[in-house]
């Protein structure tokens, strides 16, 4: 896995984890972030090269700091 793919996977994992904590589905997250559900799904599967602007929108929708989505979590 290259560095970009690794970063995208970190973001994807953090979004899924935060969404699970809030007990919301992808539809609700997409609504809160002003995004299409299919796009959120692609981000959660690390299939999209997400922009900082989109990460910011998702962090706001998840009630967290942007860095919370960029920082690897200990397993």
Protein backbone atom coordinates (compact mmCIF):
# COMPACT_ATOMS: atom_id res chain seq x y z
CA UNK A 1 0.00 0.00 0.00
CA UNK A 2 1.47 3.38 -0.96
CA UNK A 3 1.44 6.43 1.31
CA UNK A 4 -1.61 8.02 -0.32
CA UNK A 5 -3.64 4.83 -0.08
CA UNK A 6 -2.53 4.42 3.53
CA UNK A 7 -3.70 7.96 4.35
CA UNK A 8 -7.03 7.41 2.60
CA UNK A 9 -7.50 4.20 4.62
CA UNK A 10 -6.78 6.04 7.89
CA UNK A 11 -9.39 8.66 7.01
CA UNK A 12 -11.89 5.98 5.97
CA UNK A 13 -11.40 4.00 9.18
CA UNK A 14 -11.75 7.11 11.34
CA UNK A 15 -14.93 8.22 9.59
CA UNK A 16 -16.49 4.77 10.05
CA UNK A 17 -15.46 4.70 13.70
CA UNK A 18 -16.84 8.17 14.43
CA UNK A 19 -20.05 7.39 12.57
CA UNK A 20 -20.52 4.20 14.59
CA UNK A 21 -20.03 6.13 17.84
CA UNK A 22 -22.76 8.56 16.78
CA UNK A 23 -24.91 5.62 15.65
CA UNK A 24 -25.72 7.18 12.29
CA UNK A 25 -25.73 5.56 8.87
CA UNK A 26 -24.04 6.81 5.70
CA UNK A 27 -27.25 8.50 4.55
CA UNK A 28 -27.41 10.59 7.73
CA UNK A 29 -23.72 11.47 7.57
CA UNK A 30 -24.07 12.50 3.93
CA UNK A 31 -27.07 14.67 4.80
CA UNK A 32 -25.23 16.34 7.69
CA UNK A 33 -22.17 16.97 5.53
CA UNK A 34 -24.11 18.14 2.45
CA UNK A 35 -22.74 15.30 0.34
CA UNK A 36 -24.15 12.46 -1.72
CA UNK A 37 -24.40 9.12 0.10
CA UNK A 38 -22.55 7.33 -2.71
CA UNK A 39 -19.60 9.71 -2.25
CA UNK A 40 -19.51 9.03 1.50
CA UNK A 41 -19.52 5.31 0.74
CA UNK A 42 -16.56 5.69 -1.62
CA UNK A 43 -14.68 7.69 1.01
CA UNK A 44 -15.37 5.02 3.65
CA UNK A 45 -13.98 2.39 1.28
CA UNK A 46 -10.89 4.57 0.62
CA UNK A 47 -11.78 4.72 -3.09
CA UNK A 48 -11.76 8.52 -3.44
CA UNK A 49 -8.88 10.96 -3.17
CA UNK A 50 -10.79 13.21 -0.77
CA UNK A 51 -10.11 16.95 -0.53
CA UNK A 52 -9.35 18.86 2.65
CA UNK A 53 -12.64 20.69 2.15
CA UNK A 54 -14.56 17.42 2.16
CA UNK A 55 -12.63 16.16 5.20
CA UNK A 56 -13.56 19.40 6.96
CA UNK A 57 -17.26 18.96 6.10
CA UNK A 58 -17.22 15.38 7.34
CA UNK A 59 -15.42 16.32 10.56
CA UNK A 60 -18.02 19.00 11.24
CA UNK A 61 -20.85 16.54 10.51
CA UNK A 62 -19.22 14.03 12.89
CA UNK A 63 -18.75 16.65 15.62
CA UNK A 64 -14.99 16.16 15.66
CA UNK A 65 -11.78 17.95 14.83
CA UNK A 66 -10.33 17.63 11.34
CA UNK A 67 -7.18 16.10 12.86
CA UNK A 68 -9.31 13.36 14.43
CA UNK A 69 -9.96 12.06 10.92
CA UNK A 70 -6.31 12.33 9.82
CA UNK A 71 -4.63 10.74 12.83
CA UNK A 72 -4.03 6.98 12.86
CA UNK A 73 -5.76 5.25 15.77
CA UNK A 74 -4.07 2.64 17.88
CA UNK A 75 -5.56 -0.79 17.37
